[in-house]
Amino acid sequence: MKSKVAEKLFTFDEYLAYDDRTDNRYELVDGRLELMNPRTFRDLLIADFLQDNFKAEISRLGLPWVCFREAGIRTGWRKSRLSDLYIVPVEQVQEFLDRSAVTEIPPLLAVEVVSPESVSRDYRFKRSEYAALEIPEYWIVDPMKSKVTVLLWE
């Protein structure tokens, strides 16, 4: 169940500074905070598996990349999404180490693990927002359909 928080419209900077003194996670959608549901154990296990394998392959190939879980991607003027996983070049985060973990530069790869409450968000909204950012590759991992959709920006 997704719910909106507060009627106030937030700027991107206000979103980055927002602290309701809980462990709640929010996305910024058209200036409104949207509370994200806790992840399922299946989603967490899939994301762990993918992150472990991405990190191992990045290390094996000696690539200057890092893989983050549940970090943000700025997708618009008053929009920021929490991605299940993404990969970015190390230099993209080095100068921002003490800032909120929201990249304002499109990642190389974004991955979303679909859950019952995130179907339209992952297949529709994030898909179009990530395409608008020209993220080179977007994976939609759907355990309910036992399917992985790989979308490439061309």
C-alpha atoms as a PDB file:
ATOM      1  CA  MET A   1       0.000   0.000   0.000  1.00  0.00           C
ATOM      2  CA  LYS A   2       1.496   3.282  -1.110  1.00  0.00           C
ATOM      3  CA  SER A   3       0.448   6.470   0.603  1.00  0.00           C
ATOM      4  CA  LYS A   4       1.141  10.114   0.073  1.00  0.00           C
ATOM      5  CA  VAL A   5       2.595  12.161   2.904  1.00  0.00           C
ATOM      6  CA  ALA A   6       1.752  15.779   3.684  1.00  0.00           C
ATOM      7  CA  GLU A   7       0.001  18.116   1.303  1.00  0.00           C
ATOM      8  CA  LYS A   8       3.018  20.376   0.916  1.00  0.00           C
ATOM      9  CA  LEU A   9       4.879  20.295  -2.383  1.00  0.00           C
ATOM     10  CA  PHE A  10       8.560  19.627  -1.824  1.00  0.00           C
ATOM     11  CA  THR A  11      11.468  20.887  -3.876  1.00  0.00           C
ATOM     12  CA  PHE A  12      14.204  18.402  -4.659  1.00  0.00           C
ATOM     13  CA  ASP A  13      16.480  20.014  -2.033  1.00  0.00           C
ATOM     14  CA  GLU A  14      13.715  19.862   0.601  1.00  0.00           C
ATOM     15  CA  TYR A  15      13.237  16.185  -0.237  1.00  0.00           C
ATOM     16  CA  LEU A  16      16.958  15.523   0.285  1.00  0.00           C
ATOM     17  CA  ALA A  17      16.821  17.249   3.676  1.00  0.00           C
ATOM     18  CA  TYR A  18      13.490  15.724   4.803  1.00  0.00           C
ATOM     19  CA  ASP A  19      13.626  13.788   8.064  1.00  0.00           C
ATOM     20  CA  ASP A  20      10.483  12.602   9.789  1.00  0.00           C
ATOM     21  CA  ARG A  21      12.571  10.815  12.463  1.00  0.00           C
ATOM     22  CA  THR A  22      11.412   7.390  11.263  1.00  0.00           C
ATOM     23  CA  ASP A  23      12.959   4.703   9.091  1.00  0.00           C
ATOM     24  CA  ASN A  24      10.344   5.343   6.406  1.00  0.00           C
ATOM     25  CA  ARG A  25      11.533   5.528   2.806  1.00  0.00           C
ATOM     26  CA  TYR A  26      10.002   8.004   0.381  1.00  0.00           C
ATOM     27  CA  GLU A  27      10.083   8.757  -3.302  1.00  0.00           C
ATOM     28  CA  LEU A  28       9.484  12.286  -4.567  1.00  0.00           C
ATOM     29  CA  VAL A  29       6.778  12.285  -7.238  1.00  0.00           C
ATOM     30  CA  ASP A  30       5.760  15.630  -8.701  1.00  0.00           C
ATOM     31  CA  GLY A  31       6.778  17.344  -5.467  1.00  0.00           C
ATOM     32  CA  ARG A  32       4.857  14.966  -3.200  1.00  0.00           C
ATOM     33  CA  LEU A  33       6.392  12.431  -0.844  1.00  0.00           C
ATOM     34  CA  GLU A  34       5.205   8.889  -1.491  1.00  0.00           C
ATOM     35  CA  LEU A  35       5.785   6.415   1.305  1.00  0.00           C
ATOM     36  CA  MET A  36       7.351   3.184   0.083  1.00  0.00           C
ATOM     37  CA  ASN A  37       6.223  -0.133   1.521  1.00  0.00           C
ATOM     38  CA  PRO A  38       8.744  -2.356   3.270  1.00  0.00           C
ATOM     39  CA  ARG A  39      10.375  -4.803   0.857  1.00  0.00           C
ATOM     40  CA  THR A  40       9.377  -8.473   0.821  1.00  0.00           C
ATOM     41  CA  PHE A  41      11.968 -11.073   1.770  1.00  0.00           C
ATOM     42  CA  ARG A  42      11.823 -12.389  -1.814  1.00  0.00           C
ATOM     43  CA  ASP A  43      12.642  -8.926  -3.181  1.00  0.00           C
ATOM     44  CA  LEU A  44      15.520  -8.546  -0.740  1.00  0.00           C
ATOM     45  CA  LEU A  45      16.968 -11.964  -1.594  1.00  0.00           C
ATOM     46  CA  ILE A  46      16.780 -11.242  -5.325  1.00  0.00           C
ATOM     47  CA  ALA A  47      18.387  -7.827  -4.889  1.00  0.00           C
ATOM     48  CA  ASP A  48      21.124  -9.352  -2.689  1.00  0.00           C
ATOM     49  CA  PHE A  49      21.831 -12.027  -5.299  1.00  0.00           C
ATOM     50  CA  LEU A  50      22.037  -9.464  -8.102  1.00  0.00           C
ATOM     51  CA  GLN A  51      24.194  -7.053  -6.109  1.00  0.00           C
ATOM     52  CA  ASP A  52      26.621  -9.821  -5.107  1.00  0.00           C
ATOM     53  CA  ASN A  53      26.958 -10.928  -8.734  1.00  0.00           C
ATOM     54  CA  PHE A  54      27.281  -7.390 -10.103  1.00  0.00           C
ATOM     55  CA  LYS A  55      29.985  -6.575  -7.544  1.00  0.00           C
ATOM     56  CA  ALA A  56      31.867  -9.795  -8.311  1.00  0.00           C
ATOM     57  CA  GLU A  57      31.780  -9.108 -12.055  1.00  0.00           C
ATOM     58  CA  ILE A  58      32.778  -5.456 -11.624  1.00  0.00           C
ATOM     59  CA  SER A  59      35.725  -6.600  -9.517  1.00  0.00           C
ATOM     60  CA  ARG A  60      36.671  -9.434 -11.904  1.00  0.00           C
ATOM     61  CA  LEU A  61      36.734  -7.036 -14.853  1.00  0.00           C
ATOM     62  CA  GLY A  62      38.457  -4.276 -12.855  1.00  0.00           C
ATOM     63  CA  LEU A  63      35.805  -1.729 -13.802  1.00  0.00           C
ATOM     64  CA  PRO A  64      35.706   1.663 -12.021  1.00  0.00           C
ATOM     65  CA  TRP A  65      32.043   1.165 -11.085  1.00  0.00           C
ATOM     66  CA  VAL A  66      30.051   0.722  -7.873  1.00  0.00           C
ATOM     67  CA  CYS A  67      26.702  -0.952  -7.271  1.00  0.00           C
ATOM     68  CA  PHE A  68      24.229   0.542  -4.787  1.00  0.00           C
ATOM     69  CA  ARG A  69      21.031  -0.855  -3.304  1.00  0.00           C
ATOM     70  CA  GLU A  70      17.989   1.266  -2.550  1.00  0.00           C
ATOM     71  CA  ALA A  71      19.658   4.536  -3.459  1.00  0.00           C
ATOM     72  CA  GLY A  72      17.919   7.369  -5.276  1.00  0.00           C
ATOM     73  CA  ILE A  73      17.871   8.545  -8.860  1.00  0.00           C
ATOM     74  CA  ARG A  74      16.744  12.087  -9.589  1.00  0.00           C
ATOM     75  CA  THR A  75      14.302  11.702 -12.467  1.00  0.00           C
ATOM     76  CA  GLY A  76      12.968  15.233 -12.793  1.00  0.00           C
ATOM     77  CA  TRP A  77      12.625  18.716 -11.356  1.00  0.00           C
ATOM     78  CA  ARG A  78      10.534  17.483  -8.408  1.00  0.00           C
ATOM     79  CA  LYS A  79      11.048  13.749  -8.858  1.00  0.00           C
ATOM     80  CA  SER A  80      13.339  11.200  -7.289  1.00  0.00           C
ATOM     81  CA  ARG A  81      12.945   7.428  -7.377  1.00  0.00           C
ATOM     82  CA  LEU A  82      14.440   4.784  -5.118  1.00  0.00           C
ATOM     83  CA  SER A  83      15.962   2.087  -7.277  1.00  0.00           C
ATOM     84  CA  ASP A  84      16.410  -1.456  -6.009  1.00  0.00           C
ATOM     85  CA  LEU A  85      19.902  -1.454  -7.556  1.00  0.00           C
ATOM     86  CA  TYR A  86      21.964   0.739  -9.775  1.00  0.00           C
ATOM     87  CA  ILE A  87      25.482   0.891 -11.110  1.00  0.00           C
ATOM     88  CA  VAL A  88      27.415   4.130 -11.496  1.00  0.00           C
ATOM     89  CA  PRO A  89      31.036   5.066 -12.192  1.00  0.00           C
ATOM     90  CA  VAL A  90      32.996   5.606  -8.955  1.00  0.00           C
ATOM     91  CA  GLU A  91      33.851   9.178  -9.971  1.00  0.00           C
ATOM     92  CA  GLN A  92      30.124   9.960 -10.095  1.00  0.00           C
ATOM     93  CA  VAL A  93      29.852   9.619  -6.315  1.00  0.00           C
ATOM     94  CA  GLN A  94      33.336  10.489  -5.039  1.00  0.00           C
ATOM     95  CA  GLU A  95      32.717  14.200  -4.691  1.00  0.00           C
ATOM     96  CA  PHE A  96      29.296  13.641  -3.090  1.00  0.00           C
ATOM     97  CA  LEU A  97      30.231  11.117  -0.386  1.00  0.00           C
ATOM     98  CA  ASP A  98      28.642  13.122   2.427  1.00  0.00           C
ATOM     99  CA  ARG A  99      25.405  13.961   0.589  1.00  0.00           C
ATOM    100  CA  SER A 100      22.188  11.976   0.391  1.00  0.00           C
ATOM    101  CA  ALA A 101      22.552   8.875  -1.774  1.00  0.00           C
ATOM    102  CA  VAL A 102      20.629  10.263  -4.731  1.00  0.00           C
ATOM    103  CA  THR A 103      22.437  10.457  -8.037  1.00  0.00           C
ATOM    104  CA  GLU A 104      21.590  13.389 -10.267  1.00  0.00           C
ATOM    105  CA  ILE A 105      23.505  11.870 -13.183  1.00  0.00           C
ATOM    106  CA  PRO A 106      21.859   8.867 -14.861  1.00  0.00           C
ATOM    107  CA  PRO A 107      23.331   5.533 -13.755  1.00  0.00           C
ATOM    108  CA  LEU A 108      24.761   3.018 -16.241  1.00  0.00           C
ATOM    109  CA  LEU A 109      22.179   0.423 -15.164  1.00  0.00           C
ATOM    110  CA  ALA A 110      19.037   0.568 -13.039  1.00  0.00           C
ATOM    111  CA  VAL A 111      17.283  -2.556 -11.735  1.00  0.00           C
ATOM    112  CA  GLU A 112      13.834  -2.835 -10.189  1.00  0.00           C
ATOM    113  CA  VAL A 113      12.465  -5.981  -8.536  1.00  0.00           C
ATOM    114  CA  VAL A 114       8.702  -6.027  -9.029  1.00  0.00           C
ATOM    115  CA  SER A 115       6.410  -6.694  -6.078  1.00  0.00           C
ATOM    116  CA  PRO A 116       2.597  -6.770  -6.087  1.00  0.00           C
ATOM    117  CA  GLU A 117       2.379  -3.110  -5.023  1.00  0.00           C
ATOM    118  CA  SER A 118       5.028  -1.862  -7.468  1.00  0.00           C
ATOM    119  CA  VAL A 119       3.811  -3.286 -10.803  1.00  0.00           C
ATOM    120  CA  SER A 120       2.616  -0.029 -12.387  1.00  0.00           C
ATOM    121  CA  ARG A 121       5.427   1.978 -10.804  1.00  0.00           C
ATOM    122  CA  ASP A 122       8.169  -0.346 -12.141  1.00  0.00           C
ATOM    123  CA  TYR A 123       6.695  -1.213 -15.537  1.00  0.00           C
ATOM    124  CA  ARG A 124       5.155   2.154 -16.369  1.00  0.00           C
ATOM    125  CA  PHE A 125       6.340   5.166 -14.386  1.00  0.00           C
ATOM    126  CA  LYS A 126       9.959   4.260 -13.725  1.00  0.00           C
ATOM    127  CA  ARG A 127      10.277   2.878 -17.234  1.00  0.00           C
ATOM    128  CA  SER A 128       9.270   6.205 -18.796  1.00  0.00           C
ATOM    129  CA  GLU A 129      11.254   8.300 -16.287  1.00  0.00           C
ATOM    130  CA  TYR A 130      14.403   6.209 -16.790  1.00  0.00           C
ATOM    131  CA  ALA A 131      13.974   6.399 -20.576  1.00  0.00           C
ATOM    132  CA  ALA A 132      13.637  10.196 -20.359  1.00  0.00           C
ATOM    133  CA  LEU A 133      16.982  10.233 -18.507  1.00  0.00           C
ATOM    134  CA  GLU A 134      18.458   8.022 -21.234  1.00  0.00           C
ATOM    135  CA  ILE A 135      19.655   5.450 -18.706  1.00  0.00           C
ATOM    136  CA  PRO A 136      21.488   2.997 -20.996  1.00  0.00           C
ATOM    137  CA  GLU A 137      20.012  -0.151 -19.455  1.00  0.00           C
ATOM    138  CA  TYR A 138      16.995  -0.857 -17.236  1.00  0.00           C
ATOM    139  CA  TRP A 139      16.158  -4.317 -15.913  1.00  0.00           C
ATOM    140  CA  ILE A 140      12.715  -5.181 -14.601  1.00  0.00           C
ATOM    141  CA  VAL A 141      13.015  -8.358 -12.533  1.00  0.00           C
ATOM    142  CA  ASP A 142       9.546  -9.828 -12.051  1.00  0.00           C
ATOM    143  CA  PRO A 143       9.514 -12.845  -9.716  1.00  0.00           C
ATOM    144  CA  MET A 144       5.723 -13.135 -10.024  1.00  0.00           C
ATOM    145  CA  LYS A 145       6.118 -13.865 -13.744  1.00  0.00           C
ATOM    146  CA  SER A 146       9.569 -15.506 -13.454  1.00  0.00           C
ATOM    147  CA  LYS A 147      10.755 -12.989 -16.008  1.00  0.00           C
ATOM    148  CA  VAL A 148      13.512 -10.439 -16.481  1.00  0.00           C
ATOM    149  CA  THR A 149      12.885  -7.637 -18.977  1.00  0.00           C
ATOM    150  CA  VAL A 150      16.011  -5.869 -20.228  1.00  0.00           C
ATOM    151  CA  LEU A 151      15.403  -2.455 -21.763  1.00  0.00           C
ATOM    152  CA  LEU A 152      18.197  -0.744 -23.659  1.00  0.00           C
ATOM    153  CA  TRP A 153      18.323   2.944 -24.552  1.00  0.00           C
ATOM    154  CA  GLU A 154      19.164   3.367 -28.224  1.00  0.00           C
END
